[in-house]
Amino acid sequence: MAIRVGLTGGIGSGKSTVLQMLAQAGAATIDADAISRGTTAAGGSAIAGIAERFGSDFITPEGALDRERMRAHAYASPDARRQLEEIIHPLVGEESARQVHAALLAGVRCIVFDIPLLVESGRWRAQVDRVLVVDCRAQTQVDRVIARSGLKPEDVRSIIAAQAPRELRLAAADYVICNEGLSLDQLRDKVVQTARRFGL
């Protein structure tokens, strides 16, 4: 039976990099955000339901969700966000289950779920055997996100403030990778050491 690991960390912590390294170490990785984006891309499985619920104005000429229009609509109407989630979440659940099933059939020892809101959601903790948190200082998060996205420092800080506090994430962790002041090679060494604990 494969061990199921929930991977989480704040914005700019390096969680996506750690996920890639775990995949290179032999873990099957399930990225719920990527699956969610796929359902609203051109021809995605959520498009028909979105068009039916919100109207074709919310679909781009290419057949994808018009994210800007939906973001503005959801901001003005909290109910719209709930309706969108009602369409997307079951589809993400189905695709995640399909990927897990395929991984189990392939005999993988470890399945890593990339769950940005693991601590916030509450429901995920019971679905994983271990929680791995990628951690760093808040200022490091700010610096990294500014460097990669060009956002203003105050915008990054507001994103961090909307996520679970660092202390709560660390309290939920079974394992912590401190990604502070490390080169990529040093980070990879830490990931490999952690991966061994998951049978990889």
N, C-alpha and C. Protein backbone atom coordinates (compact mmCIF):
# COMPACT_ATOMS: atom_id res chain seq x y z
N MET A 1 0.85 -1.20 0.00
CA MET A 1 0.00 0.00 0.00
C MET A 1 0.88 1.25 0.00
N ALA A 2 0.55 2.20 -0.88
CA ALA A 2 1.35 3.42 -0.98
C ALA A 2 1.06 4.36 0.18
N ILE A 3 2.11 5.05 0.63
CA ILE A 3 1.92 6.08 1.65
C ILE A 3 1.42 7.34 0.94
N ARG A 4 0.46 8.02 1.56
CA ARG A 4 -0.11 9.24 0.97
C ARG A 4 0.39 10.44 1.76
N VAL A 5 1.05 11.35 1.05
CA VAL A 5 1.66 12.52 1.68
C VAL A 5 0.97 13.78 1.19
N GLY A 6 0.56 14.63 2.12
CA GLY A 6 0.03 15.95 1.76
C GLY A 6 1.15 16.96 1.83
N LEU A 7 1.44 17.61 0.71
CA LEU A 7 2.51 18.60 0.63
C LEU A 7 1.90 20.00 0.65
N THR A 8 2.36 20.84 1.55
CA THR A 8 1.84 22.21 1.60
C THR A 8 2.96 23.17 1.98
N GLY A 9 2.65 24.45 1.83
CA GLY A 9 3.61 25.51 2.14
C GLY A 9 3.05 26.82 1.63
N GLY A 10 3.47 27.91 2.23
CA GLY A 10 2.99 29.22 1.81
C GLY A 10 3.52 29.61 0.45
N ILE A 11 2.91 30.64 -0.14
CA ILE A 11 3.37 31.16 -1.43
C ILE A 11 4.85 31.53 -1.32
N GLY A 12 5.63 31.15 -2.34
CA GLY A 12 7.05 31.48 -2.34
C GLY A 12 7.92 30.61 -1.47
N SER A 13 7.34 29.55 -0.91
CA SER A 13 8.13 28.68 -0.02
C SER A 13 9.02 27.72 -0.80
N GLY A 14 8.68 27.47 -2.06
CA GLY A 14 9.43 26.50 -2.86
C GLY A 14 8.71 25.17 -2.96
N LYS A 15 7.43 25.16 -2.64
CA LYS A 15 6.65 23.92 -2.62
C LYS A 15 6.63 23.24 -3.99
N SER A 16 6.46 24.03 -5.05
CA SER A 16 6.39 23.44 -6.40
C SER A 16 7.71 22.79 -6.78
N THR A 17 8.81 23.41 -6.37
CA THR A 17 10.14 22.84 -6.64
C THR A 17 10.31 21.52 -5.90
N VAL A 18 9.89 21.50 -4.63
CA VAL A 18 9.98 20.27 -3.83
C VAL A 18 9.11 19.17 -4.46
N LEU A 19 7.93 19.55 -4.96
CA LEU A 19 7.05 18.56 -5.61
C LEU A 19 7.76 17.93 -6.80
N GLN A 20 8.41 18.74 -7.62
CA GLN A 20 9.14 18.21 -8.78
C GLN A 20 10.26 17.26 -8.34
N MET A 21 10.95 17.63 -7.27
CA MET A 21 12.04 16.79 -6.78
C MET A 21 11.53 15.46 -6.23
N LEU A 22 10.37 15.50 -5.58
CA LEU A 22 9.77 14.25 -5.08
C LEU A 22 9.36 13.36 -6.25
N ALA A 23 8.86 13.97 -7.32
CA ALA A 23 8.51 13.19 -8.51
C ALA A 23 9.77 12.55 -9.10
N GLN A 24 10.87 13.30 -9.14
CA GLN A 24 12.13 12.75 -9.65
C GLN A 24 12.64 11.61 -8.77
N ALA A 25 12.27 11.65 -7.48
CA ALA A 25 12.69 10.60 -6.55
C ALA A 25 11.81 9.35 -6.66
N GLY A 26 10.74 9.44 -7.46
CA GLY A 26 9.91 8.26 -7.69
C GLY A 26 8.49 8.33 -7.15
N ALA A 27 8.11 9.49 -6.57
CA ALA A 27 6.74 9.63 -6.06
C ALA A 27 5.78 9.92 -7.21
N ALA A 28 4.55 9.44 -7.07
CA ALA A 28 3.48 9.90 -7.96
C ALA A 28 2.96 11.20 -7.37
N THR A 29 2.77 12.22 -8.20
CA THR A 29 2.33 13.51 -7.68
C THR A 29 0.96 13.87 -8.23
N ILE A 30 0.10 14.34 -7.34
CA ILE A 30 -1.25 14.75 -7.70
C ILE A 30 -1.36 16.24 -7.40
N ASP A 31 -1.47 17.05 -8.44
CA ASP A 31 -1.52 18.51 -8.29
C ASP A 31 -2.96 18.97 -8.52
N ALA A 32 -3.70 19.16 -7.43
CA ALA A 32 -5.11 19.52 -7.54
C ALA A 32 -5.31 20.86 -8.24
N ASP A 33 -4.40 21.81 -8.02
CA ASP A 33 -4.52 23.10 -8.69
C ASP A 33 -4.37 22.95 -10.20
N ALA A 34 -3.40 22.14 -10.62
CA ALA A 34 -3.19 21.93 -12.05
C ALA A 34 -4.40 21.22 -12.67
N ILE A 35 -4.95 20.25 -11.94
CA ILE A 35 -6.16 19.56 -12.42
C ILE A 35 -7.31 20.55 -12.54
N SER A 36 -7.46 21.41 -11.53
CA SER A 36 -8.52 22.42 -11.53
C SER A 36 -8.38 23.35 -12.73
N ARG A 37 -7.15 23.82 -13.00
CA ARG A 37 -6.91 24.70 -14.15
C ARG A 37 -7.25 23.97 -15.45
N GLY A 38 -6.95 22.68 -15.49
CA GLY A 38 -7.24 21.90 -16.68
C GLY A 38 -8.73 21.81 -16.97
N THR A 39 -9.54 21.76 -15.92
CA THR A 39 -11.00 21.65 -16.14
C THR A 39 -11.58 22.91 -16.74
N THR A 40 -10.89 24.06 -16.55
CA THR A 40 -11.42 25.34 -17.07
C THR A 40 -10.62 25.84 -18.27
N ALA A 41 -9.67 25.04 -18.76
CA ALA A 41 -8.94 25.38 -19.98
C ALA A 41 -9.83 25.09 -21.19
N ALA A 42 -9.37 25.49 -22.36
CA ALA A 42 -10.16 25.26 -23.58
C ALA A 42 -10.51 23.78 -23.71
N GLY A 43 -11.78 23.48 -23.83
CA GLY A 43 -12.24 22.10 -23.96
C GLY A 43 -12.25 21.32 -22.67
N GLY A 44 -12.00 22.00 -21.53
CA GLY A 44 -11.95 21.32 -20.23
C GLY A 44 -13.31 20.79 -19.81
N SER A 45 -13.29 19.85 -18.86
CA SER A 45 -14.52 19.16 -18.47
C SER A 45 -15.52 20.05 -17.74
N ALA A 46 -15.08 21.22 -17.25
CA ALA A 46 -16.00 22.11 -16.52
C ALA A 46 -16.66 23.15 -17.43
N ILE A 47 -16.19 23.27 -18.65
CA ILE A 47 -16.64 24.38 -19.52
C ILE A 47 -18.14 24.33 -19.80
N ALA A 48 -18.65 23.14 -20.13
CA ALA A 48 -20.09 23.03 -20.45
C ALA A 48 -20.93 23.43 -19.24
N GLY A 49 -20.55 22.97 -18.05
CA GLY A 49 -21.30 23.30 -16.84
C GLY A 49 -21.24 24.78 -16.52
N ILE A 50 -20.07 25.40 -16.76
CA ILE A 50 -19.92 26.84 -16.51
C ILE A 50 -20.80 27.64 -17.47
N ALA A 51 -20.78 27.26 -18.73
CA ALA A 51 -21.61 27.96 -19.73
C ALA A 51 -23.09 27.83 -19.39
N GLU A 52 -23.48 26.64 -18.93
CA GLU A 52 -24.89 26.41 -18.59
C GLU A 52 -25.29 27.22 -17.36
N ARG A 53 -24.42 27.29 -16.35
CA ARG A 53 -24.75 27.97 -15.10
C ARG A 53 -24.62 29.49 -15.20
N PHE A 54 -23.56 29.96 -15.89
CA PHE A 54 -23.27 31.40 -15.89
C PHE A 54 -23.53 32.09 -17.22
N GLY A 55 -23.65 31.30 -18.29
CA GLY A 55 -23.86 31.88 -19.62
C GLY A 55 -22.58 31.86 -20.44
N SER A 56 -22.76 31.89 -21.76
CA SER A 56 -21.61 31.77 -22.67
C SER A 56 -20.69 32.99 -22.63
N ASP A 57 -21.15 34.11 -22.03
CA ASP A 57 -20.30 35.29 -21.89
C ASP A 57 -19.06 34.99 -21.05
N PHE A 58 -19.13 33.94 -20.22
CA PHE A 58 -18.01 33.62 -19.33
C PHE A 58 -17.01 32.67 -19.99
N ILE A 59 -17.25 32.35 -21.26
CA ILE A 59 -16.35 31.46 -22.00
C ILE A 59 -15.66 32.28 -23.09
N THR A 60 -14.34 32.17 -23.20
CA THR A 60 -13.59 32.91 -24.22
C THR A 60 -13.87 32.31 -25.60
N PRO A 61 -13.53 33.06 -26.67
CA PRO A 61 -13.70 32.52 -28.03
C PRO A 61 -12.92 31.21 -28.24
N GLU A 62 -11.84 31.03 -27.44
CA GLU A 62 -11.04 29.79 -27.56
C GLU A 62 -11.68 28.61 -26.84
N GLY A 63 -12.73 28.90 -26.04
CA GLY A 63 -13.42 27.81 -25.34
C GLY A 63 -12.94 27.57 -23.93
N ALA A 64 -12.23 28.55 -23.34
CA ALA A 64 -11.76 28.44 -21.96
C ALA A 64 -12.59 29.36 -21.06
N LEU A 65 -12.46 29.17 -19.75
CA LEU A 65 -13.10 30.08 -18.81
C LEU A 65 -12.47 31.46 -18.94
N ASP A 66 -13.30 32.49 -19.01
CA ASP A 66 -12.82 33.87 -18.98
C ASP A 66 -12.54 34.21 -17.52
N ARG A 67 -11.28 34.04 -17.11
CA ARG A 67 -10.92 34.14 -15.69
C ARG A 67 -11.14 35.55 -15.14
N GLU A 68 -10.82 36.55 -15.93
CA GLU A 68 -10.98 37.94 -15.45
C GLU A 68 -12.45 38.25 -15.18
N ARG A 69 -13.29 37.87 -16.13
CA ARG A 69 -14.74 38.12 -15.98
C ARG A 69 -15.29 37.35 -14.77
N MET A 70 -14.86 36.09 -14.63
CA MET A 70 -15.36 35.28 -13.52
C MET A 70 -14.84 35.82 -12.18
N ARG A 71 -13.59 36.29 -12.16
CA ARG A 71 -13.02 36.83 -10.93
C ARG A 71 -13.82 38.05 -10.47
N ALA A 72 -14.15 38.92 -11.43
CA ALA A 72 -14.92 40.13 -11.11
C ALA A 72 -16.33 39.75 -10.64
N HIS A 73 -16.92 38.77 -11.29
CA HIS A 73 -18.27 38.33 -10.93
C HIS A 73 -18.29 37.68 -9.54
N ALA A 74 -17.30 36.83 -9.28
CA ALA A 74 -17.23 36.14 -7.98
C ALA A 74 -16.95 37.14 -6.85
N TYR A 75 -16.18 38.19 -7.18
CA TYR A 75 -15.88 39.22 -6.17
C TYR A 75 -17.16 39.97 -5.80
N ALA A 76 -17.99 40.24 -6.82
CA ALA A 76 -19.23 40.98 -6.59
C ALA A 76 -20.32 40.10 -5.98
N SER A 77 -20.25 38.81 -6.28
CA SER A 77 -21.30 37.88 -5.81
C SER A 77 -20.66 36.64 -5.20
N PRO A 78 -20.55 36.59 -3.85
CA PRO A 78 -19.94 35.42 -3.19
C PRO A 78 -20.62 34.10 -3.58
N ASP A 79 -21.89 34.16 -3.91
CA ASP A 79 -22.61 32.95 -4.30
C ASP A 79 -22.06 32.37 -5.60
N ALA A 80 -21.56 33.24 -6.47
CA ALA A 80 -21.01 32.79 -7.75
C ALA A 80 -19.79 31.90 -7.53
N ARG A 81 -18.97 32.27 -6.56
CA ARG A 81 -17.78 31.47 -6.25
C ARG A 81 -18.19 30.07 -5.80
N ARG A 82 -19.21 30.00 -4.94
CA ARG A 82 -19.69 28.70 -4.46
C ARG A 82 -20.23 27.87 -5.62
N GLN A 83 -20.97 28.51 -6.52
CA GLN A 83 -21.54 27.80 -7.68
C GLN A 83 -20.43 27.27 -8.59
N LEU A 84 -19.38 28.08 -8.77
CA LEU A 84 -18.25 27.64 -9.60
C LEU A 84 -17.55 26.44 -8.96
N GLU A 85 -17.36 26.52 -7.64
CA GLU A 85 -16.72 25.41 -6.93
C GLU A 85 -17.56 24.13 -7.01
N GLU A 86 -18.89 24.29 -7.00
CA GLU A 86 -19.77 23.12 -7.11
C GLU A 86 -19.60 22.41 -8.45
N ILE A 87 -19.22 23.15 -9.47
CA ILE A 87 -18.98 22.56 -10.79
C ILE A 87 -17.59 21.91 -10.84
N ILE A 88 -16.58 22.65 -10.34
CA ILE A 88 -15.19 22.23 -10.53
C ILE A 88 -14.75 21.15 -9.55
N HIS A 89 -15.10 21.29 -8.26
CA HIS A 89 -14.57 20.38 -7.23
C HIS A 89 -14.85 18.90 -7.49
N PRO A 90 -16.09 18.52 -7.88
CA PRO A 90 -16.31 17.10 -8.16
C PRO A 90 -15.45 16.58 -9.31
N LEU A 91 -15.22 17.43 -10.31
CA LEU A 91 -14.40 17.02 -11.46
C LEU A 91 -12.94 16.83 -11.03
N VAL A 92 -12.47 17.73 -10.16
CA VAL A 92 -11.10 17.60 -9.64
C VAL A 92 -10.99 16.32 -8.81
N GLY A 93 -12.01 16.06 -8.01
CA GLY A 93 -12.03 14.84 -7.19
C GLY A 93 -11.98 13.58 -8.04
N GLU A 94 -12.76 13.58 -9.14
CA GLU A 94 -12.78 12.40 -10.04
C GLU A 94 -11.43 12.18 -10.69
N GLU A 95 -10.82 13.27 -11.18
CA GLU A 95 -9.52 13.14 -11.86
C GLU A 95 -8.42 12.77 -10.87
N SER A 96 -8.47 13.33 -9.67
CA SER A 96 -7.49 12.96 -8.63
C SER A 96 -7.60 11.47 -8.32
N ALA A 97 -8.83 10.99 -8.16
CA ALA A 97 -9.06 9.57 -7.86
C ALA A 97 -8.55 8.69 -9.00
N ARG A 98 -8.75 9.15 -10.25
CA ARG A 98 -8.28 8.38 -11.40
C ARG A 98 -6.75 8.30 -11.38
N GLN A 99 -6.10 9.41 -11.07
CA GLN A 99 -4.63 9.42 -11.03
C GLN A 99 -4.09 8.56 -9.88
N VAL A 100 -4.77 8.60 -8.75
CA VAL A 100 -4.36 7.76 -7.61
C VAL A 100 -4.49 6.28 -7.98
N HIS A 101 -5.60 5.93 -8.62
CA HIS A 101 -5.84 4.54 -9.02
C HIS A 101 -4.74 4.07 -9.97
N ALA A 102 -4.40 4.94 -10.94
CA ALA A 102 -3.35 4.59 -11.91
C ALA A 102 -2.01 4.41 -11.20
N ALA A 103 -1.73 5.27 -10.22
CA ALA A 103 -0.47 5.18 -9.47
C ALA A 103 -0.40 3.88 -8.68
N LEU A 104 -1.51 3.51 -8.05
CA LEU A 104 -1.56 2.28 -7.27
C LEU A 104 -1.37 1.06 -8.17
N LEU A 105 -2.00 1.10 -9.35
CA LEU A 105 -1.85 -0.01 -10.30
C LEU A 105 -0.40 -0.12 -10.77
N ALA A 106 0.28 1.02 -10.85
CA ALA A 106 1.68 1.02 -11.30
C ALA A 106 2.63 0.60 -10.17
N GLY A 107 2.09 0.44 -8.96
CA GLY A 107 2.89 -0.04 -7.84
C GLY A 107 3.77 1.00 -7.18
N VAL A 108 3.40 2.28 -7.28
CA VAL A 108 4.24 3.30 -6.64
C VAL A 108 4.15 3.17 -5.11
N ARG A 109 5.23 3.59 -4.44
CA ARG A 109 5.28 3.46 -2.98
C ARG A 109 4.75 4.71 -2.27
N CYS A 110 4.74 5.83 -2.99
CA CYS A 110 4.39 7.10 -2.35
C CYS A 110 3.60 7.97 -3.33
N ILE A 111 2.47 8.50 -2.86
CA ILE A 111 1.67 9.43 -3.65
C ILE A 111 1.67 10.76 -2.90
N VAL A 112 2.13 11.81 -3.57
CA VAL A 112 2.20 13.13 -2.95
C VAL A 112 1.10 14.02 -3.53
N PHE A 113 0.27 14.54 -2.64
CA PHE A 113 -0.80 15.46 -3.03
C PHE A 113 -0.33 16.89 -2.76
N ASP A 114 -0.29 17.70 -3.82
CA ASP A 114 0.07 19.11 -3.67
C ASP A 114 -1.18 19.87 -3.23
N ILE A 115 -1.21 20.30 -1.96
CA ILE A 115 -2.44 20.89 -1.40
C ILE A 115 -2.09 22.24 -0.76
N PRO A 116 -2.16 23.33 -1.55
CA PRO A 116 -1.81 24.64 -0.99
C PRO A 116 -2.62 24.98 0.26
N LEU A 117 -3.89 24.61 0.30
CA LEU A 117 -4.76 24.98 1.43
C LEU A 117 -5.04 23.79 2.34
N LEU A 118 -4.05 22.93 2.51
CA LEU A 118 -4.24 21.73 3.34
C LEU A 118 -4.71 22.09 4.75
N VAL A 119 -4.04 23.05 5.37
CA VAL A 119 -4.37 23.44 6.75
C VAL A 119 -5.74 24.13 6.80
N GLU A 120 -6.00 25.00 5.79
CA GLU A 120 -7.24 25.76 5.78
C GLU A 120 -8.46 24.88 5.53
N SER A 121 -8.32 23.87 4.67
CA SER A 121 -9.50 23.12 4.22
C SER A 121 -10.10 22.20 5.29
N GLY A 122 -9.24 21.66 6.17
CA GLY A 122 -9.76 20.77 7.20
C GLY A 122 -10.03 19.36 6.73
N ARG A 123 -10.57 19.21 5.52
CA ARG A 123 -10.99 17.87 5.06
C ARG A 123 -9.80 17.02 4.61
N TRP A 124 -8.68 17.67 4.25
CA TRP A 124 -7.58 16.91 3.65
C TRP A 124 -6.81 16.08 4.65
N ARG A 125 -6.73 16.54 5.90
CA ARG A 125 -5.84 15.87 6.86
C ARG A 125 -6.18 14.40 7.03
N ALA A 126 -7.46 14.09 6.99
CA ALA A 126 -7.89 12.70 7.16
C ALA A 126 -7.60 11.84 5.93
N GLN A 127 -7.29 12.48 4.80
CA GLN A 127 -7.09 11.74 3.55
C GLN A 127 -5.63 11.42 3.25
N VAL A 128 -4.72 11.93 4.11
CA VAL A 128 -3.30 11.66 3.90
C VAL A 128 -2.70 11.03 5.15
N ASP A 129 -1.62 10.25 4.95
CA ASP A 129 -0.95 9.59 6.08
C ASP A 129 0.04 10.51 6.77
N ARG A 130 0.68 11.38 6.00
CA ARG A 130 1.69 12.30 6.53
C ARG A 130 1.53 13.67 5.89
N VAL A 131 1.92 14.70 6.63
CA VAL A 131 1.90 16.06 6.10
C VAL A 131 3.35 16.57 6.05
N LEU A 132 3.76 17.02 4.86
CA LEU A 132 5.09 17.59 4.65
C LEU A 132 4.93 19.08 4.36
N VAL A 133 5.55 19.91 5.18
CA VAL A 133 5.47 21.36 5.02
C VAL A 133 6.81 21.90 4.53
N VAL A 134 6.76 22.72 3.48
CA VAL A 134 7.94 23.45 3.03
C VAL A 134 7.86 24.83 3.67
N ASP A 135 8.90 25.18 4.43
CA ASP A 135 8.82 26.38 5.27
C ASP A 135 9.98 27.33 4.98
N CYS A 136 9.70 28.63 5.16
CA CYS A 136 10.75 29.65 5.15
C CYS A 136 10.20 30.90 5.83
N ARG A 137 11.05 31.89 6.05
CA ARG A 137 10.60 33.12 6.68
C ARG A 137 9.68 33.91 5.75
N ALA A 138 8.78 34.70 6.34
CA ALA A 138 7.83 35.50 5.55
C ALA A 138 8.57 36.45 4.61
N GLN A 139 9.66 37.06 5.06
CA GLN A 139 10.39 37.99 4.20
C GLN A 139 10.99 37.27 3.00
N THR A 140 11.41 36.03 3.21
CA THR A 140 11.93 35.23 2.09
C THR A 140 10.81 34.96 1.08
N GLN A 141 9.61 34.65 1.58
CA GLN A 141 8.47 34.46 0.68
C GLN A 141 8.24 35.72 -0.16
N VAL A 142 8.22 36.87 0.51
CA VAL A 142 7.99 38.14 -0.19
C VAL A 142 9.05 38.36 -1.27
N ASP A 143 10.31 38.19 -0.90
CA ASP A 143 11.41 38.42 -1.85
C ASP A 143 11.30 37.51 -3.07
N ARG A 144 11.00 36.23 -2.83
CA ARG A 144 10.91 35.27 -3.95
C ARG A 144 9.75 35.59 -4.88
N VAL A 145 8.60 35.91 -4.30
CA VAL A 145 7.43 36.17 -5.15
C VAL A 145 7.61 37.45 -5.96
N ILE A 146 8.19 38.47 -5.35
CA ILE A 146 8.47 39.72 -6.09
C ILE A 146 9.41 39.42 -7.26
N ALA A 147 10.45 38.61 -6.99
CA ALA A 147 11.44 38.31 -8.02
C ALA A 147 10.83 37.57 -9.21
N ARG A 148 9.85 36.70 -8.95
CA ARG A 148 9.31 35.88 -10.04
C ARG A 148 8.08 36.49 -10.69
N SER A 149 7.37 37.36 -9.97
CA SER A 149 6.07 37.81 -10.50
C SER A 149 5.97 39.32 -10.71
N GLY A 150 6.85 40.07 -10.05
CA GLY A 150 6.75 41.52 -10.18
C GLY A 150 5.65 42.15 -9.34
N LEU A 151 5.04 41.37 -8.46
CA LEU A 151 4.01 41.94 -7.57
C LEU A 151 4.65 42.91 -6.60
N LYS A 152 3.85 43.83 -6.08
CA LYS A 152 4.34 44.77 -5.07
C LYS A 152 4.43 44.04 -3.72
N PRO A 153 5.37 44.46 -2.85
CA PRO A 153 5.52 43.80 -1.55
C PRO A 153 4.22 43.74 -0.75
N GLU A 154 3.44 44.83 -0.76
CA GLU A 154 2.20 44.82 0.01
C GLU A 154 1.18 43.82 -0.54
N ASP A 155 1.21 43.59 -1.89
CA ASP A 155 0.31 42.59 -2.48
C ASP A 155 0.69 41.19 -2.03
N VAL A 156 2.00 40.92 -2.00
CA VAL A 156 2.46 39.60 -1.55
C VAL A 156 2.12 39.38 -0.08
N ARG A 157 2.32 40.43 0.72
CA ARG A 157 2.01 40.30 2.15
C ARG A 157 0.52 40.04 2.38
N SER A 158 -0.34 40.63 1.55
CA SER A 158 -1.78 40.39 1.71
C SER A 158 -2.14 38.96 1.32
N ILE A 159 -1.43 38.40 0.33
CA ILE A 159 -1.64 36.99 -0.04
C ILE A 159 -1.21 36.09 1.12
N ILE A 160 -0.04 36.38 1.69
CA ILE A 160 0.46 35.60 2.83
C ILE A 160 -0.53 35.68 4.00
N ALA A 161 -1.07 36.89 4.24
CA ALA A 161 -2.00 37.08 5.35
C ALA A 161 -3.30 36.29 5.15
N ALA A 162 -3.66 36.05 3.89
CA ALA A 162 -4.90 35.31 3.60
C ALA A 162 -4.71 33.80 3.73
N GLN A 163 -3.44 33.35 3.76
CA GLN A 163 -3.16 31.92 3.93
C GLN A 163 -3.07 31.59 5.42
N ALA A 164 -3.05 30.30 5.71
CA ALA A 164 -2.92 29.88 7.11
C ALA A 164 -1.63 30.44 7.69
N PRO A 165 -1.64 30.86 8.96
CA PRO A 165 -0.41 31.34 9.58
C PRO A 165 0.67 30.25 9.56
N ARG A 166 1.91 30.68 9.44
CA ARG A 166 3.05 29.77 9.41
C ARG A 166 3.02 28.81 10.60
N GLU A 167 2.68 29.33 11.79
CA GLU A 167 2.67 28.50 13.00
C GLU A 167 1.67 27.35 12.88
N LEU A 168 0.51 27.63 12.25
CA LEU A 168 -0.51 26.57 12.08
C LEU A 168 -0.04 25.50 11.13
N ARG A 169 0.62 25.94 10.03
CA ARG A 169 1.15 24.95 9.08
C ARG A 169 2.18 24.06 9.76
N LEU A 170 3.09 24.68 10.51
CA LEU A 170 4.13 23.90 11.19
C LEU A 170 3.54 22.96 12.23
N ALA A 171 2.47 23.40 12.90
CA ALA A 171 1.82 22.55 13.91
C ALA A 171 1.17 21.33 13.27
N ALA A 172 0.77 21.45 11.99
CA ALA A 172 0.11 20.33 11.29
C ALA A 172 1.12 19.37 10.66
N ALA A 173 2.41 19.75 10.68
CA ALA A 173 3.42 19.00 9.92
C ALA A 173 3.90 17.75 10.64
N ASP A 174 4.07 16.68 9.88
CA ASP A 174 4.81 15.51 10.35
C ASP A 174 6.29 15.66 9.99
N TYR A 175 6.54 16.30 8.84
CA TYR A 175 7.90 16.57 8.39
C TYR A 175 7.97 18.00 7.89
N VAL A 176 9.09 18.64 8.10
CA VAL A 176 9.30 20.02 7.64
C VAL A 176 10.61 20.07 6.84
N ILE A 177 10.54 20.68 5.66
CA ILE A 177 11.75 21.01 4.91
C ILE A 177 11.91 22.52 5.00
N CYS A 178 12.97 22.95 5.67
CA CYS A 178 13.24 24.39 5.82
C CYS A 178 14.01 24.85 4.59
N ASN A 179 13.34 25.59 3.73
CA ASN A 179 13.94 26.05 2.47
C ASN A 179 14.40 27.50 2.62
N GLU A 180 15.41 27.66 3.43
CA GLU A 180 15.92 29.00 3.76
C GLU A 180 17.41 29.02 3.49
N GLY A 181 17.84 29.87 2.56
CA GLY A 181 19.27 30.01 2.29
C GLY A 181 19.93 28.79 1.67
N LEU A 182 19.15 27.96 0.97
CA LEU A 182 19.69 26.74 0.38
C LEU A 182 19.91 26.91 -1.13
N SER A 183 20.95 26.27 -1.63
CA SER A 183 21.07 26.14 -3.08
C SER A 183 20.10 25.05 -3.53
N LEU A 184 19.87 24.96 -4.84
CA LEU A 184 18.98 23.90 -5.35
C LEU A 184 19.51 22.52 -5.00
N ASP A 185 20.83 22.34 -5.08
CA ASP A 185 21.42 21.05 -4.74
C ASP A 185 21.21 20.70 -3.27
N GLN A 186 21.36 21.71 -2.40
CA GLN A 186 21.14 21.47 -0.97
C GLN A 186 19.67 21.14 -0.69
N LEU A 187 18.78 21.83 -1.38
CA LEU A 187 17.36 21.53 -1.23
C LEU A 187 17.07 20.12 -1.70
N ARG A 188 17.67 19.74 -2.83
CA ARG A 188 17.45 18.38 -3.36
C ARG A 188 17.93 17.33 -2.36
N ASP A 189 19.05 17.59 -1.70
CA ASP A 189 19.55 16.65 -0.69
C ASP A 189 18.53 16.46 0.43
N LYS A 190 17.94 17.58 0.88
CA LYS A 190 16.93 17.50 1.94
C LYS A 190 15.70 16.72 1.48
N VAL A 191 15.30 16.96 0.22
CA VAL A 191 14.13 16.27 -0.32
C VAL A 191 14.39 14.77 -0.43
N VAL A 192 15.59 14.42 -0.88
CA VAL A 192 15.95 13.00 -1.02
C VAL A 192 15.95 12.32 0.35
N GLN A 193 16.49 12.99 1.36
CA GLN A 193 16.49 12.43 2.72
C GLN A 193 15.06 12.20 3.22
N THR A 194 14.19 13.17 2.95
CA THR A 194 12.79 13.04 3.37
C THR A 194 12.10 11.93 2.58
N ALA A 195 12.38 11.87 1.29
CA ALA A 195 11.75 10.86 0.43
C ALA A 195 12.06 9.45 0.90
N ARG A 196 13.25 9.25 1.46
CA ARG A 196 13.62 7.92 1.97
C ARG A 196 12.66 7.47 3.08
N ARG A 197 12.20 8.44 3.87
CA ARG A 197 11.25 8.11 4.93
C ARG A 197 9.90 7.66 4.37
N PHE A 198 9.66 8.01 3.10
CA PHE A 198 8.42 7.60 2.46
C PHE A 198 8.61 6.34 1.61
N GLY A 199 9.76 5.69 1.80
CA GLY A 199 10.02 4.43 1.08
C GLY A 199 10.53 4.63 -0.33
N LEU A 200 11.02 5.82 -0.65
CA LEU A 200 11.52 6.08 -2.01
C LEU A 200 13.04 5.95 -2.08
